[in-house]
Protein backbone atom coordinates (compact mmCIF):
# COMPACT_ATOMS: atom_id res chain seq x y z
CA MET A 1 0.00 0.00 0.00
CA THR A 2 1.06 3.57 -0.67
CA GLN A 3 2.43 5.27 2.44
CA PHE A 4 1.69 8.93 3.20
CA VAL A 5 3.86 11.40 5.11
CA LEU A 6 2.44 14.88 5.74
CA TYR A 7 4.53 17.81 6.94
CA GLY A 8 2.68 20.66 8.64
CA GLY A 9 3.27 23.72 10.78
CA LYS A 10 3.22 27.48 10.64
CA GLY A 11 4.47 29.32 7.58
CA GLY A 12 8.19 29.66 7.05
CA VAL A 13 9.40 26.83 9.32
CA GLY A 14 10.80 24.64 6.53
CA LYS A 15 8.01 22.18 5.73
CA THR A 16 8.87 22.23 2.03
CA THR A 17 12.52 21.48 2.71
CA CYS A 18 11.58 18.54 4.94
CA ALA A 19 9.16 17.15 2.35
CA ALA A 20 11.69 17.46 -0.45
CA ALA A 21 14.44 15.84 1.63
CA THR A 22 12.17 12.94 2.67
CA GLY A 23 11.12 12.32 -0.92
CA LEU A 24 14.68 12.44 -2.20
CA ALA A 25 15.94 10.03 0.46
CA ALA A 26 13.16 7.52 -0.30
CA ALA A 27 13.89 7.72 -4.03
CA ASP A 28 17.58 7.09 -3.27
CA ARG A 29 16.38 3.84 -1.63
CA SER A 30 14.82 2.88 -4.99
CA GLU A 31 11.28 3.68 -3.89
CA ARG A 32 8.84 5.31 -6.28
CA VAL A 33 7.95 8.64 -4.67
CA LEU A 34 5.63 11.58 -5.28
CA VAL A 35 6.14 14.86 -3.39
CA VAL A 36 3.09 17.14 -3.45
CA SER A 37 2.99 20.79 -2.38
CA THR A 38 -0.45 22.19 -1.53
CA ASP A 39 0.94 25.39 -0.03
CA PRO A 40 -0.33 28.38 -2.09
CA ALA A 41 3.15 29.93 -1.76
CA HIS A 42 4.90 27.13 -3.64
CA SER A 43 8.65 26.68 -3.24
CA LEU A 44 8.95 22.92 -3.82
CA GLY A 45 10.17 23.39 -7.37
CA ASP A 46 12.91 25.72 -6.14
CA SER A 47 14.02 23.18 -3.51
CA LEU A 48 14.16 20.37 -6.05
CA GLU A 49 15.52 22.64 -8.82
CA THR A 50 12.72 21.51 -11.14
CA ALA A 51 9.93 23.42 -12.88
CA LEU A 52 6.69 21.90 -11.54
CA SER A 53 2.99 22.01 -12.43
CA ASP A 54 -0.32 20.34 -11.49
CA GLU A 55 0.86 17.08 -13.03
CA PRO A 56 3.62 14.77 -11.67
CA THR A 57 6.96 15.86 -13.10
CA PRO A 58 10.15 13.74 -12.90
CA VAL A 59 12.90 15.24 -10.75
CA ALA A 60 16.37 14.84 -12.21
CA ALA A 61 18.06 14.55 -8.80
CA ALA A 62 16.79 10.99 -8.25
CA GLU A 63 15.30 8.28 -10.42
CA GLY A 64 11.73 7.44 -9.42
CA LEU A 65 11.06 10.83 -7.81
CA ASP A 66 8.14 12.90 -9.12
CA ALA A 67 6.81 16.19 -7.76
CA VAL A 68 3.68 18.34 -8.08
CA GLU A 69 2.71 21.89 -7.12
CA VAL A 70 -1.07 21.93 -6.83
CA SER A 71 -3.10 25.05 -7.56
CA ALA A 72 -6.27 25.87 -5.63
CA GLY A 73 -8.08 26.00 -8.96
CA ALA A 74 -7.21 22.37 -9.59
CA GLY A 75 -8.89 21.35 -6.35
CA GLN A 76 -12.02 23.34 -7.08
CA GLU A 77 -12.32 22.12 -10.65
CA ALA A 78 -12.16 18.52 -9.48
CA TYR A 79 -15.63 18.95 -8.01
CA ARG A 80 -17.34 20.83 -10.80
CA GLY A 81 -19.22 17.65 -11.72
CA VAL A 82 -21.17 17.96 -8.46
CA VAL A 83 -22.43 21.41 -9.40
CA GLU A 84 -23.25 20.26 -12.93
CA SER A 85 -25.22 17.31 -11.55
CA PHE A 86 -27.14 19.58 -9.20
CA ALA A 87 -28.00 22.00 -12.02
CA ALA A 88 -29.08 19.17 -14.33
CA SER A 89 -31.61 17.95 -11.76
CA PHE A 90 -33.24 21.36 -11.61
CA ARG A 91 -33.27 21.69 -15.38
CA GLU A 92 -35.18 18.41 -15.56
CA ALA A 93 -37.68 19.85 -13.10
CA GLY A 94 -38.24 22.81 -15.40
CA VAL A 95 -36.04 25.30 -13.56
CA ARG A 96 -33.99 27.11 -16.15
CA ILE A 97 -30.31 27.27 -15.19
CA ASP A 98 -27.83 28.37 -17.86
CA GLU A 99 -24.05 27.87 -17.86
CA ALA A 100 -23.38 31.36 -16.54
CA GLU A 101 -25.52 30.58 -13.50
CA VAL A 102 -23.74 27.26 -13.01
CA ASP A 103 -20.44 29.14 -13.04
CA ALA A 104 -21.81 31.62 -10.49
CA LEU A 105 -23.02 28.78 -8.24
CA PHE A 106 -19.64 27.07 -8.48
CA GLU A 107 -17.66 30.24 -7.80
CA ALA A 108 -19.91 31.09 -4.83
CA GLY A 109 -18.09 28.46 -2.81
CA LEU A 110 -19.95 25.16 -2.88
CA VAL A 111 -16.56 23.61 -2.17
CA PRO A 112 -14.58 25.78 0.31
CA GLY A 113 -10.81 25.93 0.63
CA GLY A 114 -9.39 25.21 -2.81
CA ASP A 115 -5.92 24.21 -1.66
CA GLU A 116 -7.28 21.91 1.05
CA VAL A 117 -9.69 20.29 -1.41
CA ALA A 118 -6.78 19.81 -3.81
CA ALA A 119 -4.80 18.05 -1.06
CA LEU A 120 -7.69 15.65 -0.40
CA GLU A 121 -8.07 15.01 -4.10
CA TYR A 122 -4.40 14.13 -4.47
CA VAL A 123 -4.54 11.72 -1.55
CA ALA A 124 -7.49 9.98 -3.22
CA ASP A 125 -5.94 10.06 -6.71
CA TYR A 126 -2.56 8.67 -5.72
CA ALA A 127 -3.56 6.20 -3.02
CA ASP A 128 -3.39 3.44 -5.63
CA ALA A 129 -1.30 5.01 -8.38
CA GLY A 130 1.75 2.81 -7.94
CA TYR A 131 3.79 5.11 -5.69
CA ASP A 132 5.45 3.59 -2.65
CA LEU A 133 5.40 6.91 -0.84
CA VAL A 134 3.47 10.17 -1.22
CA VAL A 135 4.88 13.12 0.75
CA LEU A 136 2.63 16.16 1.25
CA ASP A 137 4.02 19.60 1.97
CA THR A 138 0.86 21.13 3.46
CA ALA A 139 -0.13 24.77 3.68
CA PRO A 140 0.36 26.71 6.97
CA THR A 141 -1.37 25.49 10.13
CA GLY A 142 -4.74 27.18 9.63
CA HIS A 143 -5.13 25.57 6.21
CA THR A 144 -4.10 22.21 7.62
CA LEU A 145 -6.76 22.37 10.33
CA ARG A 146 -9.38 23.12 7.66
CA LEU A 147 -8.03 20.17 5.69
CA LEU A 148 -8.73 17.88 8.65
CA ASP A 149 -12.27 19.21 8.94
CA LEU A 150 -13.16 19.03 5.26
CA PRO A 151 -14.19 15.36 4.98
CA GLU A 152 -16.76 15.80 7.74
CA VAL A 153 -17.90 19.31 6.74
CA LEU A 154 -18.17 18.51 3.05
CA GLY A 155 -19.77 15.17 3.81
CA GLU A 156 -22.58 16.92 5.69
CA ALA A 157 -23.00 19.57 3.00
CA LEU A 158 -23.05 17.00 0.23
CA GLY A 159 -25.54 14.90 2.16
CA THR A 160 -27.92 17.86 2.38
CA ALA A 161 -27.43 18.80 -1.27
CA GLY A 162 -27.90 15.17 -2.31
CA GLU A 163 -31.19 14.96 -0.42
CA VAL A 164 -32.43 18.09 -2.21
CA GLN A 165 -31.36 16.60 -5.54
CA GLN A 166 -33.16 13.34 -4.75
CA ARG A 167 -36.37 15.14 -3.83
CA VAL A 168 -36.25 17.08 -7.10
CA GLY A 169 -35.54 13.83 -8.93
CA ARG A 170 -38.54 12.13 -7.37
CA LEU A 171 -40.79 14.97 -8.47
CA VAL A 172 -39.44 14.68 -12.01
CA ASP A 173 -39.90 10.88 -12.01
CA SER A 174 -43.48 11.21 -10.77
CA ALA A 175 -44.30 13.67 -13.53
CA ARG A 176 -42.69 11.46 -16.17
CA SER A 177 -44.51 8.39 -14.90
CA PHE A 178 -47.83 10.21 -15.03
CA VAL A 179 -47.26 11.19 -18.67
CA LEU A 180 -45.22 8.30 -20.08
CA GLY A 181 -45.80 5.34 -17.76
CA PRO A 182 -42.99 2.78 -17.15
CA ALA A 183 -41.08 4.01 -20.24
CA ALA A 184 -40.28 7.18 -18.25
CA PHE A 185 -37.52 5.33 -16.34
CA LEU A 186 -35.67 3.85 -19.34
CA GLY A 187 -32.12 5.18 -19.58
CA GLY A 188 -32.38 7.10 -16.31
CA ASP A 189 -29.47 5.43 -14.51
CA GLU A 190 -27.11 8.41 -14.17
CA ASP A 191 -24.00 8.57 -12.03
CA ASP A 192 -24.66 10.04 -8.59
CA GLU A 193 -21.96 12.71 -8.35
CA PHE A 194 -22.78 13.43 -4.71
CA GLU A 195 -22.30 9.83 -3.64
CA ARG A 196 -19.13 9.55 -5.73
CA LEU A 197 -17.64 12.57 -3.98
CA ARG A 198 -18.75 11.45 -0.52
CA GLY A 199 -17.16 8.08 -1.20
CA ARG A 200 -13.85 9.72 -2.08
CA LEU A 201 -13.97 11.84 1.06
CA ASP A 202 -14.63 8.77 3.18
CA GLU A 203 -11.70 7.03 1.48
CA VAL A 204 -9.36 9.93 2.24
CA ALA A 205 -10.51 10.17 5.86
CA GLU A 206 -9.85 6.45 6.31
CA ILE A 207 -6.34 6.76 4.85
CA LEU A 208 -5.45 9.79 6.98
CA ARG A 209 -6.50 7.97 10.16
CA ASP A 210 -4.68 4.74 9.35
CA PRO A 211 -1.43 4.52 11.37
CA GLU A 212 -0.21 1.76 9.04
CA ARG A 213 -0.31 4.18 6.09
CA THR A 214 -0.09 7.74 7.38
CA SER A 215 2.26 9.79 9.52
CA PHE A 216 1.84 13.52 10.15
CA ARG A 217 5.11 15.27 11.10
CA PRO A 218 4.82 18.72 12.68
CA VAL A 219 7.68 21.11 11.87
CA LEU A 220 8.68 24.06 14.02
CA VAL A 221 11.58 26.38 14.66
CA PRO A 222 13.04 26.71 18.20
CA GLU A 223 10.85 29.65 19.25
CA ALA A 224 8.19 29.93 21.96
CA MET A 225 5.37 30.96 19.60
CA ALA A 226 6.16 28.17 17.13
CA LEU A 227 6.18 25.61 19.95
CA ALA A 228 2.81 26.84 21.25
CA GLU A 229 1.29 26.63 17.78
CA THR A 230 2.69 23.14 17.32
CA GLU A 231 1.09 22.06 20.61
CA ARG A 232 -2.29 23.21 19.33
CA LEU A 233 -1.73 21.46 16.01
CA VAL A 234 -0.80 18.15 17.65
CA GLU A 235 -3.81 18.37 19.95
CA ARG A 236 -6.10 18.95 16.97
CA LEU A 237 -4.48 16.12 15.01
CA ARG A 238 -5.09 13.73 17.88
CA GLU A 239 -8.70 14.86 18.17
CA ALA A 240 -9.08 14.05 14.47
CA GLU A 241 -7.39 10.67 15.05
CA ILE A 242 -4.57 11.50 12.61
CA PRO A 243 -1.39 9.55 13.53
CA VAL A 244 1.31 11.99 14.62
CA GLY A 245 4.88 10.97 13.88
CA THR A 246 8.17 12.66 14.59
CA VAL A 247 8.30 16.32 15.59
CA VAL A 248 10.94 18.18 13.56
CA VAL A 249 12.72 21.15 15.11
CA ASN A 250 14.30 23.00 12.19
CA ARG A 251 16.96 25.73 11.94
CA VAL A 252 18.75 24.92 15.17
CA LEU A 253 22.02 26.77 15.73
CA GLU A 254 24.36 23.91 16.58
CA ASP A 255 27.96 25.15 16.38
CA PRO A 256 28.12 28.78 17.49
CA ASP A 257 31.29 30.81 17.29
CA PRO A 258 32.56 30.77 20.90
CA THR A 259 33.88 34.31 20.46
CA CYS A 260 30.38 35.58 19.54
CA SER A 261 28.36 36.20 22.71
CA ARG A 262 25.14 36.75 20.76
CA CYS A 263 25.66 33.42 18.96
CA THR A 264 26.32 31.46 22.15
CA ALA A 265 23.26 33.02 23.82
CA ARG A 266 21.11 32.10 20.84
CA HIS A 267 22.54 28.56 20.87
CA ALA A 268 21.67 28.22 24.56
CA LEU A 269 18.12 29.45 23.87
CA HIS A 270 17.71 26.88 21.07
CA GLU A 271 18.93 24.11 23.38
CA ARG A 272 16.34 25.12 25.98
CA ARG A 273 13.59 25.11 23.35
CA ILE A 274 14.60 21.60 22.25
CA VAL A 275 14.44 20.36 25.85
CA GLU A 276 11.05 22.05 26.21
CA THR A 277 9.84 20.42 22.98
CA ARG A 278 10.82 16.98 24.24
CA GLU A 279 9.01 17.71 27.52
CA ARG A 280 5.85 18.86 25.71
CA PHE A 281 5.81 15.74 23.51
CA PRO A 282 7.22 12.95 25.70
CA ASP A 283 5.58 10.23 23.61
CA LEU A 284 6.98 11.46 20.27
CA ASP A 285 10.45 11.37 18.75
CA VAL A 286 12.02 14.80 18.26
CA VAL A 287 14.48 15.29 15.39
CA THR A 288 16.57 18.45 15.04
CA LEU A 289 17.82 19.94 11.80
CA PRO A 290 20.67 22.46 11.68
CA GLU A 291 20.42 26.07 10.65
CA LEU A 292 21.96 26.33 7.20
CA GLU A 293 23.82 29.15 5.58
CA GLY A 294 21.94 30.48 2.58
CA GLU A 295 18.90 28.76 1.09
CA ALA A 296 18.03 25.14 1.97
CA GLY A 297 17.74 23.83 -1.56
CA GLY A 298 19.53 21.59 -4.01
CA ALA A 299 20.00 17.84 -3.91
CA GLU A 300 23.25 17.89 -1.94
CA THR A 301 21.82 19.97 0.90
CA LEU A 302 18.57 17.99 0.93
CA ARG A 303 20.47 14.72 1.25
CA LEU A 304 22.37 16.09 4.26
CA LEU A 305 19.10 17.00 5.95
CA ALA A 306 17.58 13.65 4.97
CA GLU A 307 20.24 11.85 7.01
CA ARG A 308 18.77 13.51 10.12
CA LEU A 309 15.18 12.88 9.04
CA GLU A 310 15.90 9.19 8.54
CA ALA A 311 15.54 8.93 12.30
CA ALA A 312 11.82 9.55 11.65
CA GLY A 313 11.56 6.12 10.06
């Protein structure tokens, strides 16, 4: 079965770097890997030095490694069929709905959170696509929390919309039967877009809660605010029954210049934050990644970071 690793945390803590490094290391082990960025501020392509799009693109740094940068529009468009199905039911009932009105209904937000929806869609699409590992670089914490809520929220909304569609359909069937008799039902077996979508959401929710398939890895920097936000994220993940894996503390100053008092003080502060992180999460492994000079990109740098992340299993 395809394994899923999700990296999450506040913006700017290095989730993309961790996702790229994890994907590269797995590909180096001859696994077939897909790294997906659902963060609206994409930087995955820069990290992997590859121009990316909505479709899996091979990464030259490692054979068997593909990557994707997902647009919010891609997530929204994946569910246009639901709106079309809803509009078709009303047209059959004699309510005139033209394409412009369908577009307006769609754009009004039937499916909220385009980037979160896109993330769910990619989990569903690539659960059985032949990849050994799918690594998701998720959007900042607020988006991630909405992602966790979407299967339930959308499931309820789709259930309500589906009931409305069914009631309209029954009215149409009754009218057809009155006029045409049994012939009214010939050829009326259309795909139920609402049930199709609800089924995909249920599938994604099951995968995300399966500890044999999924591991969510919070990423933070050694700062008090980042640690507090990570605590809230882990608490919410556990409420949603999402398996939480290793906590990654990124950008740790490890070898300060002993002649630089500001550097040694900062190093001591980082050490205290690491101890505090271990105390806050006594049941989780904590992996530290060093602060790097310049940008954390390129295959060589990612492989160095991956050596540390290998401790995450």
